[in-house]
Amino acid sequence: MTDSMLPILRQLHDADGDRARADTLLRMPDSVILKFHRVIDTACRRAGFEAGWNFVALRVSLGLAVRDGAGLPPSDLAASVELFRVGLAEFAAEVSHG
């Protein structure tokens, strides 16, 4: 039997810790987030990765947001997603000191 799960979703499911999950979420295309957000949300919740499911919710909201005349999403939503993205990227990049 073969694994029919997208490789990036498999990476999320098999991630070794929240930093690896964060890295995978940051690399995930919007199209995958929008199509599989329930699967991604469930994987993050099962792992207890609250930041992950919150990030997914924000990205889905941004992806579905109505744009203005210049094609831009609501500025407050875009700013929230960007701040969260920066924080998640910093978290994913942290090196354990041991």
PDB file of N, CA and C in Angstrom:
ATOM      1  N   MET A   1       0.843  -1.179   0.000  1.00  0.00           N
ATOM      2  CA  MET A   1       0.000   0.000   0.000  1.00  0.00           C
ATOM      3  C   MET A   1       0.887   1.241   0.000  1.00  0.00           C
ATOM      4  N   THR A   2       0.540   2.222  -0.794  1.00  0.00           N
ATOM      5  CA  THR A   2       1.356   3.422  -0.895  1.00  0.00           C
ATOM      6  C   THR A   2       0.744   4.554  -0.075  1.00  0.00           C
ATOM      7  N   ASP A   3       1.599   5.493   0.286  1.00  0.00           N
ATOM      8  CA  ASP A   3       1.175   6.668   1.042  1.00  0.00           C
ATOM      9  C   ASP A   3       0.737   7.728   0.033  1.00  0.00           C
ATOM     10  N   SER A   4      -0.534   8.085   0.044  1.00  0.00           N
ATOM     11  CA  SER A   4      -1.049   9.052  -0.924  1.00  0.00           C
ATOM     12  C   SER A   4      -1.053  10.480  -0.375  1.00  0.00           C
ATOM     13  N   MET A   5      -0.543  10.679   0.836  1.00  0.00           N
ATOM     14  CA  MET A   5      -0.506  12.006   1.441  1.00  0.00           C
ATOM     15  C   MET A   5       0.557  12.869   0.745  1.00  0.00           C
ATOM     16  N   LEU A   6       0.245  14.120   0.526  1.00  0.00           N
ATOM     17  CA  LEU A   6       1.236  15.039  -0.041  1.00  0.00           C
ATOM     18  C   LEU A   6       2.491  15.026   0.831  1.00  0.00           C
ATOM     19  N   PRO A   7       3.664  15.077   0.225  1.00  0.00           N
ATOM     20  CA  PRO A   7       4.911  15.037   1.009  1.00  0.00           C
ATOM     21  C   PRO A   7       4.994  16.113   2.093  1.00  0.00           C
ATOM     22  N   ILE A   8       4.526  17.318   1.802  1.00  0.00           N
ATOM     23  CA  ILE A   8       4.630  18.382   2.803  1.00  0.00           C
ATOM     24  C   ILE A   8       3.669  18.136   3.975  1.00  0.00           C
ATOM     25  N   LEU A   9       2.532  17.509   3.701  1.00  0.00           N
ATOM     26  CA  LEU A   9       1.623  17.145   4.792  1.00  0.00           C
ATOM     27  C   LEU A   9       2.213  15.989   5.599  1.00  0.00           C
ATOM     28  N   ARG A  10       2.875  15.056   4.926  1.00  0.00           N
ATOM     29  CA  ARG A  10       3.547  13.962   5.629  1.00  0.00           C
ATOM     30  C   ARG A  10       4.629  14.527   6.536  1.00  0.00           C
ATOM     31  N   GLN A  11       5.377  15.536   6.049  1.00  0.00           N
ATOM     32  CA  GLN A  11       6.408  16.183   6.868  1.00  0.00           C
ATOM     33  C   GLN A  11       5.798  16.761   8.140  1.00  0.00           C
ATOM     34  N   LEU A  12       4.653  17.388   7.996  1.00  0.00           N
ATOM     35  CA  LEU A  12       3.988  17.985   9.163  1.00  0.00           C
ATOM     36  C   LEU A  12       3.605  16.889  10.154  1.00  0.00           C
ATOM     37  N   HIS A  13       3.020  15.828   9.671  1.00  0.00           N
ATOM     38  CA  HIS A  13       2.598  14.726  10.547  1.00  0.00           C
ATOM     39  C   HIS A  13       3.783  14.045  11.222  1.00  0.00           C
ATOM     40  N   ASP A  14       4.895  13.930  10.502  1.00  0.00           N
ATOM     41  CA  ASP A  14       6.066  13.220  11.018  1.00  0.00           C
ATOM     42  C   ASP A  14       7.083  14.130  11.705  1.00  0.00           C
ATOM     43  N   ALA A  15       6.779  15.425  11.814  1.00  0.00           N
ATOM     44  CA  ALA A  15       7.735  16.389  12.359  1.00  0.00           C
ATOM     45  C   ALA A  15       8.165  16.006  13.774  1.00  0.00           C
ATOM     46  N   ASP A  16       9.435  16.229  14.032  1.00  0.00           N
ATOM     47  CA  ASP A  16      10.018  15.941  15.335  1.00  0.00           C
ATOM     48  C   ASP A  16      10.027  17.225  16.172  1.00  0.00           C
ATOM     49  N   GLY A  17       8.873  17.592  16.693  1.00  0.00           N
ATOM     50  CA  GLY A  17       8.772  18.761  17.552  1.00  0.00           C
ATOM     51  C   GLY A  17       8.143  19.962  16.867  1.00  0.00           C
ATOM     52  N   ASP A  18       7.834  20.946  17.688  1.00  0.00           N
ATOM     53  CA  ASP A  18       7.130  22.135  17.200  1.00  0.00           C
ATOM     54  C   ASP A  18       7.975  23.002  16.287  1.00  0.00           C
ATOM     55  N   ARG A  19       9.277  23.051  16.505  1.00  0.00           N
ATOM     56  CA  ARG A  19      10.120  23.847  15.608  1.00  0.00           C
ATOM     57  C   ARG A  19      10.081  23.277  14.188  1.00  0.00           C
ATOM     58  N   ALA A  20      10.120  21.969  14.077  1.00  0.00           N
ATOM     59  CA  ALA A  20      10.029  21.329  12.757  1.00  0.00           C
ATOM     60  C   ALA A  20       8.645  21.548  12.153  1.00  0.00           C
ATOM     61  N   ARG A  21       7.601  21.496  12.979  1.00  0.00           N
ATOM     62  CA  ARG A  21       6.253  21.767  12.484  1.00  0.00           C
ATOM     63  C   ARG A  21       6.152  23.210  11.993  1.00  0.00           C
ATOM     64  N   ALA A  22       6.709  24.148  12.750  1.00  0.00           N
ATOM     65  CA  ALA A  22       6.689  25.559  12.350  1.00  0.00           C
ATOM     66  C   ALA A  22       7.405  25.745  11.016  1.00  0.00           C
ATOM     67  N   ASP A  23       8.564  25.113  10.868  1.00  0.00           N
ATOM     68  CA  ASP A  23       9.319  25.214   9.620  1.00  0.00           C
ATOM     69  C   ASP A  23       8.498  24.698   8.442  1.00  0.00           C
ATOM     70  N   THR A  24       7.827  23.587   8.636  1.00  0.00           N
ATOM     71  CA  THR A  24       6.997  23.019   7.570  1.00  0.00           C
ATOM     72  C   THR A  24       5.838  23.950   7.222  1.00  0.00           C
ATOM     73  N   LEU A  25       5.171  24.500   8.235  1.00  0.00           N
ATOM     74  CA  LEU A  25       4.049  25.417   7.978  1.00  0.00           C
ATOM     75  C   LEU A  25       4.503  26.660   7.233  1.00  0.00           C
ATOM     76  N   LEU A  26       5.676  27.168   7.567  1.00  0.00           N
ATOM     77  CA  LEU A  26       6.183  28.366   6.905  1.00  0.00           C
ATOM     78  C   LEU A  26       6.496  28.112   5.429  1.00  0.00           C
ATOM     79  N   ARG A  27       6.848  26.890   5.098  1.00  0.00           N
ATOM     80  CA  ARG A  27       7.193  26.532   3.715  1.00  0.00           C
ATOM     81  C   ARG A  27       5.981  26.109   2.888  1.00  0.00           C
ATOM     82  N   MET A  28       4.868  25.908   3.547  1.00  0.00           N
ATOM     83  CA  MET A  28       3.680  25.367   2.883  1.00  0.00           C
ATOM     84  C   MET A  28       3.036  26.403   1.964  1.00  0.00           C
ATOM     85  N   PRO A  29       2.777  26.038   0.703  1.00  0.00           N
ATOM     86  CA  PRO A  29       2.125  26.972  -0.224  1.00  0.00           C
ATOM     87  C   PRO A  29       0.698  27.315   0.233  1.00  0.00           C
ATOM     88  N   ASP A  30       0.267  28.506  -0.123  1.00  0.00           N
ATOM     89  CA  ASP A  30      -1.092  28.933   0.206  1.00  0.00           C
ATOM     90  C   ASP A  30      -2.131  27.953  -0.340  1.00  0.00           C
ATOM     91  N   SER A  31      -1.884  27.422  -1.534  1.00  0.00           N
ATOM     92  CA  SER A  31      -2.860  26.504  -2.130  1.00  0.00           C
ATOM     93  C   SER A  31      -3.050  25.258  -1.264  1.00  0.00           C
ATOM     94  N   VAL A  32      -1.981  24.769  -0.668  1.00  0.00           N
ATOM     95  CA  VAL A  32      -2.074  23.603   0.206  1.00  0.00           C
ATOM     96  C   VAL A  32      -2.781  23.978   1.503  1.00  0.00           C
ATOM     97  N   ILE A  33      -2.421  25.129   2.057  1.00  0.00           N
ATOM     98  CA  ILE A  33      -3.078  25.596   3.290  1.00  0.00           C
ATOM     99  C   ILE A  33      -4.583  25.720   3.063  1.00  0.00           C
ATOM    100  N   LEU A  34      -4.985  26.332   1.961  1.00  0.00           N
ATOM    101  CA  LEU A  34      -6.410  26.533   1.703  1.00  0.00           C
ATOM    102  C   LEU A  34      -7.138  25.217   1.461  1.00  0.00           C
ATOM    103  N   LYS A  35      -6.529  24.321   0.718  1.00  0.00           N
ATOM    104  CA  LYS A  35      -7.203  23.063   0.377  1.00  0.00           C
ATOM    105  C   LYS A  35      -7.246  22.083   1.546  1.00  0.00           C
ATOM    106  N   PHE A  36      -6.189  22.051   2.338  1.00  0.00           N
ATOM    107  CA  PHE A  36      -6.066  21.036   3.383  1.00  0.00           C
ATOM    108  C   PHE A  36      -6.048  21.628   4.799  1.00  0.00           C
ATOM    109  N   HIS A  37      -6.620  22.813   4.976  1.00  0.00           N
ATOM    110  CA  HIS A  37      -6.516  23.471   6.280  1.00  0.00           C
ATOM    111  C   HIS A  37      -7.094  22.639   7.413  1.00  0.00           C
ATOM    112  N   ARG A  38      -8.115  21.842   7.155  1.00  0.00           N
ATOM    113  CA  ARG A  38      -8.680  21.008   8.230  1.00  0.00           C
ATOM    114  C   ARG A  38      -7.705  19.902   8.638  1.00  0.00           C
ATOM    115  N   VAL A  39      -7.047  19.303   7.663  1.00  0.00           N
ATOM    116  CA  VAL A  39      -6.053  18.265   7.943  1.00  0.00           C
ATOM    117  C   VAL A  39      -4.879  18.860   8.721  1.00  0.00           C
ATOM    118  N   ILE A  40      -4.423  20.025   8.291  1.00  0.00           N
ATOM    119  CA  ILE A  40      -3.299  20.702   8.926  1.00  0.00           C
ATOM    120  C   ILE A  40      -3.667  21.110  10.347  1.00  0.00           C
ATOM    121  N   ASP A  41      -4.850  21.678  10.512  1.00  0.00           N
ATOM    122  CA  ASP A  41      -5.330  22.082  11.827  1.00  0.00           C
ATOM    123  C   ASP A  41      -5.380  20.877  12.766  1.00  0.00           C
ATOM    124  N   THR A  42      -5.916  19.767  12.284  1.00  0.00           N
ATOM    125  CA  THR A  42      -6.012  18.553  13.105  1.00  0.00           C
ATOM    126  C   THR A  42      -4.624  18.054  13.512  1.00  0.00           C
ATOM    127  N   ALA A  43      -3.680  18.076  12.591  1.00  0.00           N
ATOM    128  CA  ALA A  43      -2.320  17.631  12.908  1.00  0.00           C
ATOM    129  C   ALA A  43      -1.692  18.518  13.979  1.00  0.00           C
ATOM    130  N   CYS A  44      -1.895  19.818  13.876  1.00  0.00           N
ATOM    131  CA  CYS A  44      -1.345  20.744  14.873  1.00  0.00           C
ATOM    132  C   CYS A  44      -2.023  20.552  16.230  1.00  0.00           C
ATOM    133  N   ARG A  45      -3.327  20.373  16.224  1.00  0.00           N
ATOM    134  CA  ARG A  45      -4.050  20.167  17.481  1.00  0.00           C
ATOM    135  C   ARG A  45      -3.639  18.858  18.153  1.00  0.00           C
ATOM    136  N   ARG A  46      -3.493  17.798  17.381  1.00  0.00           N
ATOM    137  CA  ARG A  46      -3.055  16.511  17.956  1.00  0.00           C
ATOM    138  C   ARG A  46      -1.693  16.629  18.609  1.00  0.00           C
ATOM    139  N   ALA A  47      -0.833  17.469  18.034  1.00  0.00           N
ATOM    140  CA  ALA A  47       0.515  17.663  18.581  1.00  0.00           C
ATOM    141  C   ALA A  47       0.529  18.692  19.709  1.00  0.00           C
ATOM    142  N   GLY A  48      -0.605  19.373  19.931  1.00  0.00           N
ATOM    143  CA  GLY A  48      -0.646  20.427  20.947  1.00  0.00           C
ATOM    144  C   GLY A  48       0.097  21.679  20.518  1.00  0.00           C
ATOM    145  N   PHE A  49       0.221  21.868  19.199  1.00  0.00           N
ATOM    146  CA  PHE A  49       0.961  23.013  18.647  1.00  0.00           C
ATOM    147  C   PHE A  49      -0.008  24.156  18.361  1.00  0.00           C
ATOM    148  N   GLU A  50      -0.355  24.894  19.401  1.00  0.00           N
ATOM    149  CA  GLU A  50      -1.337  25.967  19.300  1.00  0.00           C
ATOM    150  C   GLU A  50      -0.916  27.053  18.311  1.00  0.00           C
ATOM    151  N   ALA A  51       0.338  27.424  18.324  1.00  0.00           N
ATOM    152  CA  ALA A  51       0.812  28.453  17.384  1.00  0.00           C
ATOM    153  C   ALA A  51       0.583  28.005  15.945  1.00  0.00           C
ATOM    154  N   GLY A  52       0.712  26.715  15.693  1.00  0.00           N
ATOM    155  CA  GLY A  52       0.499  26.192  14.348  1.00  0.00           C
ATOM    156  C   GLY A  52      -0.926  26.338  13.883  1.00  0.00           C
ATOM    157  N   TRP A  53      -1.878  25.937  14.738  1.00  0.00           N
ATOM    158  CA  TRP A  53      -3.266  26.037  14.282  1.00  0.00           C
ATOM    159  C   TRP A  53      -3.715  27.487  14.213  1.00  0.00           C
ATOM    160  N   ASN A  54      -3.149  28.359  15.045  1.00  0.00           N
ATOM    161  CA  ASN A  54      -3.482  29.791  14.938  1.00  0.00           C
ATOM    162  C   ASN A  54      -2.916  30.391  13.651  1.00  0.00           C
ATOM    163  N   PHE A  55      -1.699  29.996  13.290  1.00  0.00           N
ATOM    164  CA  PHE A  55      -1.084  30.475  12.055  1.00  0.00           C
ATOM    165  C   PHE A  55      -1.888  30.024  10.838  1.00  0.00           C
ATOM    166  N   VAL A  56      -2.319  28.783  10.845  1.00  0.00           N
ATOM    167  CA  VAL A  56      -3.128  28.264   9.747  1.00  0.00           C
ATOM    168  C   VAL A  56      -4.433  29.046   9.634  1.00  0.00           C
ATOM    169  N   ALA A  57      -5.081  29.315  10.759  1.00  0.00           N
ATOM    170  CA  ALA A  57      -6.333  30.084  10.743  1.00  0.00           C
ATOM    171  C   ALA A  57      -6.112  31.472  10.156  1.00  0.00           C
ATOM    172  N   LEU A  58      -5.010  32.108  10.518  1.00  0.00           N
ATOM    173  CA  LEU A  58      -4.706  33.432   9.972  1.00  0.00           C
ATOM    174  C   LEU A  58      -4.443  33.370   8.474  1.00  0.00           C
ATOM    175  N   ARG A  59      -3.672  32.378   8.033  1.00  0.00           N
ATOM    176  CA  ARG A  59      -3.375  32.262   6.599  1.00  0.00           C
ATOM    177  C   ARG A  59      -4.622  31.961   5.791  1.00  0.00           C
ATOM    178  N   VAL A  60      -5.510  31.134   6.328  1.00  0.00           N
ATOM    179  CA  VAL A  60      -6.776  30.866   5.633  1.00  0.00           C
ATOM    180  C   VAL A  60      -7.588  32.147   5.542  1.00  0.00           C
ATOM    181  N   SER A  61      -7.673  32.874   6.646  1.00  0.00           N
ATOM    182  CA  SER A  61      -8.412  34.140   6.642  1.00  0.00           C
ATOM    183  C   SER A  61      -7.845  35.111   5.614  1.00  0.00           C
ATOM    184  N   LEU A  62      -6.526  35.191   5.549  1.00  0.00           N
ATOM    185  CA  LEU A  62      -5.883  36.080   4.578  1.00  0.00           C
ATOM    186  C   LEU A  62      -6.165  35.618   3.152  1.00  0.00           C
ATOM    187  N   GLY A  63      -6.086  34.327   2.922  1.00  0.00           N
ATOM    188  CA  GLY A  63      -6.324  33.789   1.588  1.00  0.00           C
ATOM    189  C   GLY A  63      -7.746  33.983   1.093  1.00  0.00           C
ATOM    190  N   LEU A  64      -8.692  34.021   2.027  1.00  0.00           N
ATOM    191  CA  LEU A  64     -10.103  34.164   1.660  1.00  0.00           C
ATOM    192  C   LEU A  64     -10.615  35.601   1.760  1.00  0.00           C
ATOM    193  N   ALA A  65      -9.763  36.501   2.229  1.00  0.00           N
ATOM    194  CA  ALA A  65     -10.189  37.894   2.443  1.00  0.00           C
ATOM    195  C   ALA A  65     -10.509  38.602   1.127  1.00  0.00           C
ATOM    196  N   VAL A  66     -11.539  39.414   1.161  1.00  0.00           N
ATOM    197  CA  VAL A  66     -11.889  40.263   0.022  1.00  0.00           C
ATOM    198  C   VAL A  66     -10.822  41.348  -0.101  1.00  0.00           C
ATOM    199  N   ARG A  67     -10.377  41.574  -1.311  1.00  0.00           N
ATOM    200  CA  ARG A  67      -9.325  42.565  -1.581  1.00  0.00           C
ATOM    201  C   ARG A  67      -9.935  43.929  -1.882  1.00  0.00           C
ATOM    202  N   ASP A  68      -9.087  44.953  -1.716  1.00  0.00           N
ATOM    203  CA  ASP A  68      -9.535  46.298  -2.073  1.00  0.00           C
ATOM    204  C   ASP A  68      -9.297  46.533  -3.562  1.00  0.00           C
ATOM    205  N   GLY A  69      -9.522  47.744  -4.023  1.00  0.00           N
ATOM    206  CA  GLY A  69      -9.386  48.078  -5.440  1.00  0.00           C
ATOM    207  C   GLY A  69      -7.990  47.883  -5.994  1.00  0.00           C
ATOM    208  N   ALA A  70      -6.993  47.861  -5.106  1.00  0.00           N
ATOM    209  CA  ALA A  70      -5.609  47.641  -5.531  1.00  0.00           C
ATOM    210  C   ALA A  70      -5.204  46.170  -5.399  1.00  0.00           C
ATOM    211  N   GLY A  71      -6.159  45.325  -5.007  1.00  0.00           N
ATOM    212  CA  GLY A  71      -5.871  43.908  -4.869  1.00  0.00           C
ATOM    213  C   GLY A  71      -5.270  43.516  -3.536  1.00  0.00           C
ATOM    214  N   LEU A  72      -5.306  44.431  -2.575  1.00  0.00           N
ATOM    215  CA  LEU A  72      -4.702  44.158  -1.270  1.00  0.00           C
ATOM    216  C   LEU A  72      -5.736  43.694  -0.253  1.00  0.00           C
ATOM    217  N   PRO A  73      -5.334  42.767   0.627  1.00  0.00           N
ATOM    218  CA  PRO A  73      -6.251  42.333   1.689  1.00  0.00           C
ATOM    219  C   PRO A  73      -6.339  43.419   2.756  1.00  0.00           C
ATOM    220  N   PRO A  74      -7.265  43.288   3.695  1.00  0.00           N
ATOM    221  CA  PRO A  74      -7.356  44.271   4.774  1.00  0.00           C
ATOM    222  C   PRO A  74      -5.996  44.432   5.462  1.00  0.00           C
ATOM    223  N   SER A  75      -5.569  45.669   5.660  1.00  0.00           N
ATOM    224  CA  SER A  75      -4.224  45.928   6.176  1.00  0.00           C
ATOM    225  C   SER A  75      -4.019  45.371   7.577  1.00  0.00           C
ATOM    226  N   ASP A  76      -5.045  45.414   8.426  1.00  0.00           N
ATOM    227  CA  ASP A  76      -4.873  44.888   9.786  1.00  0.00           C
ATOM    228  C   ASP A  76      -4.665  43.372   9.765  1.00  0.00           C
ATOM    229  N   LEU A  77      -5.364  42.670   8.896  1.00  0.00           N
ATOM    230  CA  LEU A  77      -5.200  41.220   8.778  1.00  0.00           C
ATOM    231  C   LEU A  77      -3.821  40.891   8.209  1.00  0.00           C
ATOM    232  N   ALA A  78      -3.417  41.603   7.163  1.00  0.00           N
ATOM    233  CA  ALA A  78      -2.103  41.363   6.563  1.00  0.00           C
ATOM    234  C   ALA A  78      -0.989  41.620   7.573  1.00  0.00           C
ATOM    235  N   ALA A  79      -1.129  42.659   8.377  1.00  0.00           N
ATOM    236  CA  ALA A  79      -0.122  42.976   9.398  1.00  0.00           C
ATOM    237  C   ALA A  79      -0.078  41.889  10.470  1.00  0.00           C
ATOM    238  N   SER A  80      -1.235  41.387  10.854  1.00  0.00           N
ATOM    239  CA  SER A  80      -1.286  40.317  11.866  1.00  0.00           C
ATOM    240  C   SER A  80      -0.599  39.055  11.357  1.00  0.00           C
ATOM    241  N   VAL A  81      -0.883  38.695  10.122  1.00  0.00           N
ATOM    242  CA  VAL A  81      -0.262  37.506   9.542  1.00  0.00           C
ATOM    243  C   VAL A  81       1.251  37.687   9.477  1.00  0.00           C
ATOM    244  N   GLU A  82       1.698  38.855   9.081  1.00  0.00           N
ATOM    245  CA  GLU A  82       3.135  39.109   8.961  1.00  0.00           C
ATOM    246  C   GLU A  82       3.827  39.045  10.327  1.00  0.00           C
ATOM    247  N   LEU A  83       3.241  39.642  11.341  1.00  0.00           N
ATOM    248  CA  LEU A  83       3.835  39.579  12.682  1.00  0.00           C
ATOM    249  C   LEU A  83       3.903  38.139  13.185  1.00  0.00           C
ATOM    250  N   PHE A  84       2.846  37.396  12.967  1.00  0.00           N
ATOM    251  CA  PHE A  84       2.818  35.998  13.390  1.00  0.00           C
ATOM    252  C   PHE A  84       3.858  35.196  12.618  1.00  0.00           C
ATOM    253  N   ARG A  85       3.965  35.459  11.311  1.00  0.00           N
ATOM    254  CA  ARG A  85       4.945  34.761  10.475  1.00  0.00           C
ATOM    255  C   ARG A  85       6.367  35.004  10.973  1.00  0.00           C
ATOM    256  N   VAL A  86       6.671  36.249  11.288  1.00  0.00           N
ATOM    257  CA  VAL A  86       8.009  36.591  11.779  1.00  0.00           C
ATOM    258  C   VAL A  86       8.306  35.854  13.088  1.00  0.00           C
ATOM    259  N   GLY A  87       7.342  35.864  14.000  1.00  0.00           N
ATOM    260  CA  GLY A  87       7.532  35.171  15.268  1.00  0.00           C
ATOM    261  C   GLY A  87       7.710  33.671  15.085  1.00  0.00           C
ATOM    262  N   LEU A  88       6.918  33.087  14.206  1.00  0.00           N
ATOM    263  CA  LEU A  88       7.012  31.654  13.952  1.00  0.00           C
ATOM    264  C   LEU A  88       8.349  31.313  13.288  1.00  0.00           C
ATOM    265  N   ALA A  89       8.803  32.173  12.383  1.00  0.00           N
ATOM    266  CA  ALA A  89      10.099  31.949  11.731  1.00  0.00           C
ATOM    267  C   ALA A  89      11.241  32.037  12.732  1.00  0.00           C
ATOM    268  N   GLU A  90      11.168  32.980  13.648  1.00  0.00           N
ATOM    269  CA  GLU A  90      12.200  33.083  14.694  1.00  0.00           C
ATOM    270  C   GLU A  90      12.196  31.847  15.574  1.00  0.00           C
ATOM    271  N   PHE A  91      11.006  31.377  15.924  1.00  0.00           N
ATOM    272  CA  PHE A  91      10.869  30.171  16.741  1.00  0.00           C
ATOM    273  C   PHE A  91      11.449  28.966  16.001  1.00  0.00           C
ATOM    274  N   ALA A  92      11.122  28.822  14.725  1.00  0.00           N
ATOM    275  CA  ALA A  92      11.594  27.684  13.938  1.00  0.00           C
ATOM    276  C   ALA A  92      13.105  27.689  13.792  1.00  0.00           C
ATOM    277  N   ALA A  93      13.698  28.873  13.767  1.00  0.00           N
ATOM    278  CA  ALA A  93      15.140  28.998  13.545  1.00  0.00           C
ATOM    279  C   ALA A  93      15.968  28.894  14.826  1.00  0.00           C
ATOM    280  N   GLU A  94      15.322  28.939  15.987  1.00  0.00           N
ATOM    281  CA  GLU A  94      16.066  28.881  17.253  1.00  0.00           C
ATOM    282  C   GLU A  94      16.854  27.590  17.346  1.00  0.00           C
ATOM    283  N   VAL A  95      18.074  27.725  17.787  1.00  0.00           N
ATOM    284  CA  VAL A  95      18.944  26.568  17.964  1.00  0.00           C
ATOM    285  C   VAL A  95      18.958  26.234  19.450  1.00  0.00           C
ATOM    286  N   SER A  96      18.752  24.970  19.758  1.00  0.00           N
ATOM    287  CA  SER A  96      18.782  24.537  21.152  1.00  0.00           C
ATOM    288  C   SER A  96      20.180  24.699  21.713  1.00  0.00           C
ATOM    289  N   HIS A  97      20.258  25.246  22.896  1.00  0.00           N
ATOM    290  CA  HIS A  97      21.521  25.379  23.599  1.00  0.00           C
ATOM    291  C   HIS A  97      21.568  24.308  24.676  1.00  0.00           C
ATOM    292  N   GLY A  98      22.518  23.423  24.602  1.00  0.00           N
ATOM    293  CA  GLY A  98      22.540  22.332  25.550  1.00  0.00           C
ATOM    294  C   GLY A  98      23.828  22.060  26.105  1.00  0.00           C
TER     295      GLY A  98
END
